[in-house]
Protein backbone atom coordinates (compact mmCIF):
# COMPACT_ATOMS: atom_id res chain seq x y z
CA MET A 1 -71.75 -39.84 -13.98
CA GLU A 2 -70.14 -38.72 -10.71
CA LEU A 3 -68.51 -42.33 -10.33
CA ALA A 4 -67.07 -41.93 -13.95
CA ILE A 5 -65.62 -38.51 -13.26
CA PHE A 6 -63.98 -40.24 -10.07
CA ILE A 7 -62.50 -42.97 -12.07
CA VAL A 8 -61.07 -40.77 -14.45
CA PHE A 9 -59.36 -38.29 -11.80
CA ALA A 10 -58.39 -41.41 -9.73
CA VAL A 11 -56.75 -43.30 -12.69
CA THR A 12 -55.06 -40.30 -13.91
CA ALA A 13 -53.47 -39.40 -10.42
CA LEU A 14 -52.58 -43.01 -9.74
CA VAL A 15 -50.80 -43.55 -13.38
CA SER A 16 -49.32 -40.09 -13.03
CA SER A 17 -47.72 -40.67 -9.79
CA ILE A 18 -46.20 -43.94 -10.78
CA VAL A 19 -44.66 -41.80 -13.71
CA VAL A 20 -43.33 -39.15 -11.05
CA VAL A 21 -41.31 -42.12 -9.47
CA ALA A 22 -40.41 -44.14 -12.42
CA HIS A 23 -39.34 -41.79 -14.99
CA ARG A 24 -35.63 -41.07 -15.19
CA SER A 25 -35.60 -37.55 -16.44
CA PRO A 26 -36.48 -35.21 -13.23
CA VAL A 27 -38.11 -32.54 -15.61
CA HIS A 28 -40.89 -35.06 -16.89
CA SER A 29 -41.19 -36.35 -13.33
CA THR A 30 -42.01 -32.86 -12.34
CA LEU A 31 -44.61 -32.17 -15.10
CA SER A 32 -46.08 -35.75 -14.18
CA LEU A 33 -46.57 -34.59 -10.70
CA VAL A 34 -48.15 -31.35 -11.88
CA VAL A 35 -50.77 -33.96 -13.60
CA THR A 36 -50.94 -35.90 -10.20
CA LEU A 37 -51.90 -32.42 -8.36
CA LEU A 38 -54.49 -31.32 -10.68
CA ALA A 39 -56.15 -34.56 -10.82
CA THR A 40 -56.14 -34.22 -6.98
CA ALA A 41 -57.65 -31.17 -7.28
CA GLY A 42 -60.27 -32.56 -9.30
CA LEU A 43 -60.95 -35.25 -6.66
CA PHE A 44 -61.23 -32.35 -4.04
CA ILE A 45 -64.13 -30.58 -6.32
CA LEU A 46 -65.85 -33.88 -6.37
CA LEU A 47 -65.83 -33.96 -2.47
CA GLY A 48 -67.51 -30.51 -2.36
CA SER A 49 -64.43 -28.44 -1.66
CA PRO A 50 -63.67 -25.89 -4.48
CA PHE A 51 -61.45 -24.03 -1.61
CA LEU A 52 -59.16 -26.93 -1.39
CA ALA A 53 -58.96 -27.57 -4.91
CA ALA A 54 -58.16 -23.85 -5.62
CA LEU A 55 -55.29 -24.06 -2.99
CA GLN A 56 -54.33 -27.10 -4.65
CA VAL A 57 -53.54 -25.70 -7.95
CA LEU A 58 -52.36 -22.13 -6.76
CA LEU A 59 -50.10 -23.29 -4.16
CA TYR A 60 -48.82 -26.63 -4.90
CA THR A 61 -49.16 -26.74 -8.74
CA GLY A 62 -48.15 -23.19 -9.18
CA ALA A 63 -45.71 -22.21 -6.74
CA ILE A 64 -44.40 -25.34 -5.29
CA LEU A 65 -43.46 -27.02 -8.66
CA VAL A 66 -42.17 -24.02 -10.17
CA LEU A 67 -39.74 -23.78 -7.31
CA PHE A 68 -38.97 -27.59 -8.13
CA LEU A 69 -38.58 -26.64 -11.69
CA PHE A 70 -36.07 -23.83 -10.53
CA VAL A 71 -34.10 -25.88 -8.31
CA ILE A 72 -33.74 -28.71 -10.87
CA MET A 73 -32.55 -26.39 -13.79
CA LEU A 74 -30.50 -24.45 -11.13
CA LEU A 75 -28.42 -27.42 -10.41
CA ASN A 76 -28.59 -28.64 -14.29
CA ILE A 77 -29.10 -32.07 -13.53
CA GLN A 78 -28.43 -34.29 -16.18
CA ARG A 79 -29.74 -37.83 -16.82
CA GLU A 80 -27.85 -40.28 -14.86
CA ARG A 81 -26.71 -43.55 -16.72
CA ALA A 82 -28.30 -46.62 -15.00
CA SER A 83 -25.60 -48.86 -13.43
CA SER A 84 -25.82 -52.53 -14.13
CA ALA A 85 -24.46 -53.39 -10.69
CA ARG A 86 -26.90 -53.05 -7.49
CA SER A 87 -25.47 -53.34 -4.18
CA PRO A 88 -27.21 -55.96 -1.82
CA LEU A 89 -27.76 -53.17 0.83
CA GLN A 90 -29.58 -51.24 -1.81
CA THR A 91 -31.84 -54.31 -2.70
CA TRP A 92 -32.48 -55.16 1.21
CA GLY A 93 -33.24 -51.85 2.06
CA ALA A 94 -35.89 -51.54 -0.89
CA LEU A 95 -37.39 -54.90 0.12
CA VAL A 96 -37.91 -53.66 3.86
CA GLY A 97 -39.30 -50.22 2.51
CA ALA A 98 -41.73 -52.40 0.53
CA PHE A 99 -42.70 -54.50 3.46
CA VAL A 100 -43.13 -51.71 5.75
CA LEU A 101 -45.08 -49.83 2.95
CA ALA A 102 -47.28 -52.70 2.59
CA GLY A 103 -48.02 -53.16 6.10
CA ALA A 104 -48.88 -49.37 6.50
CA VAL A 105 -51.44 -49.74 3.69
CA SER A 106 -52.80 -53.04 4.79
CA ARG A 107 -53.32 -51.24 8.21
CA LEU A 108 -55.20 -48.24 6.85
CA LEU A 109 -57.35 -50.48 4.93
CA TRP A 110 -58.18 -52.52 7.72
CA ASP A 111 -58.94 -49.35 9.98
CA ALA A 112 -61.06 -47.77 7.22
CA HIS A 113 -62.91 -51.02 6.66
CA ALA A 114 -63.46 -51.00 10.59
CA GLU A 115 -65.13 -47.97 10.55
CA SER A 116 -68.65 -48.25 9.39
CA VAL A 117 -69.72 -44.36 8.95
CA ALA A 118 -67.35 -41.62 8.03
CA PRO A 119 -68.38 -37.94 9.41
CA PRO A 120 -70.39 -36.18 7.05
CA LEU A 121 -68.70 -33.41 5.36
CA THR A 122 -70.32 -29.98 6.45
CA GLU A 123 -70.19 -26.80 5.18
CA THR A 124 -68.15 -25.46 8.12
CA PHE A 125 -65.49 -28.36 7.52
CA VAL A 126 -64.68 -27.66 3.81
CA SER A 127 -65.32 -23.74 4.09
CA LEU A 128 -62.41 -21.19 4.17
CA ARG A 129 -62.92 -20.37 8.00
CA GLY A 130 -62.87 -24.37 8.87
CA VAL A 131 -59.51 -24.80 6.61
CA ALA A 132 -57.96 -21.83 8.69
CA ASP A 133 -59.34 -22.98 12.16
CA GLN A 134 -57.39 -26.35 11.44
CA LEU A 135 -54.63 -25.16 9.89
CA PHE A 136 -53.74 -22.49 12.55
CA THR A 137 -54.72 -24.56 15.68
CA THR A 138 -54.65 -28.23 15.11
CA TYR A 139 -51.71 -28.46 12.38
CA LEU A 140 -49.79 -25.01 13.08
CA LEU A 141 -46.50 -26.73 13.98
CA PRO A 142 -46.21 -29.07 11.01
CA PHE A 143 -47.37 -26.12 8.60
CA GLU A 144 -44.47 -24.12 10.25
CA MET A 145 -42.19 -27.30 9.91
CA ILE A 146 -43.07 -27.68 5.88
CA GLY A 147 -42.49 -23.94 5.35
CA LEU A 148 -38.90 -24.12 7.01
CA LEU A 149 -38.18 -27.37 5.29
CA LEU A 150 -38.88 -25.62 1.78
CA LEU A 151 -36.71 -22.41 2.85
CA LEU A 152 -34.05 -24.92 3.95
CA ALA A 153 -34.27 -26.88 0.40
CA VAL A 154 -34.23 -23.56 -1.45
CA VAL A 155 -31.14 -22.41 0.41
CA VAL A 156 -29.30 -25.59 0.25
CA ALA A 157 -30.04 -25.83 -3.61
CA GLY A 158 -28.62 -22.43 -4.07
CA TRP A 159 -25.43 -23.48 -2.10
CA VAL A 160 -25.04 -26.63 -3.94
CA ALA A 161 -25.23 -24.89 -7.20
CA LYS A 162 -22.81 -22.15 -5.95
CA ARG A 163 -20.24 -24.88 -4.91
CA VAL A 164 -20.55 -26.80 -8.40
CA ARG A 165 -20.18 -23.80 -10.26
CA ALA A 166 -16.97 -22.76 -8.39
CA GLU A 167 -15.83 -26.13 -8.85
CA ALA A 168 -16.42 -26.09 -12.57
CA ASP A 169 -14.44 -22.69 -12.85
CA GLU A 170 -11.72 -24.06 -10.94
CA GLU A 171 -11.22 -26.81 -13.50
CA SER A 172 -11.55 -24.53 -16.59
CA ALA A 173 -8.70 -22.07 -15.02
CA GLU A 174 -6.44 -25.19 -14.93
């Protein structure tokens, strides 16, 4: 039964993450990202970490995606028409990116296959104290950098929205 639930959550996360990347509408992509993060929270529950699942739902799904939707609606992003002509640089860049991604995934799979036994999940590892110890010791710098990156994204989105609105006002005044 646990395997069936895992497969449902894994397939849901995989399909909805593909929709995030493939869909043209930024609002639909963001809503698909909500489904992806909720499925990931379900996977955390199956791993025996309800605290991380709650953090996933509260922080990412609740706060950050609301911020994404706010920025999307603030910038008033319209659907872009797909151009029929692609530049050769774009095609080569996509091919190089695909090969790098394939190499990274194959290396991860090779390393995961080489390790015979994964360390057991203990209660101290998935508890609040264990997460806090890891977050504020080992991963403090990446944690702070992500916070600054999100702050920068909000400031730049506000600046761009203000600039676009000022240009629209100038055009309407003429």
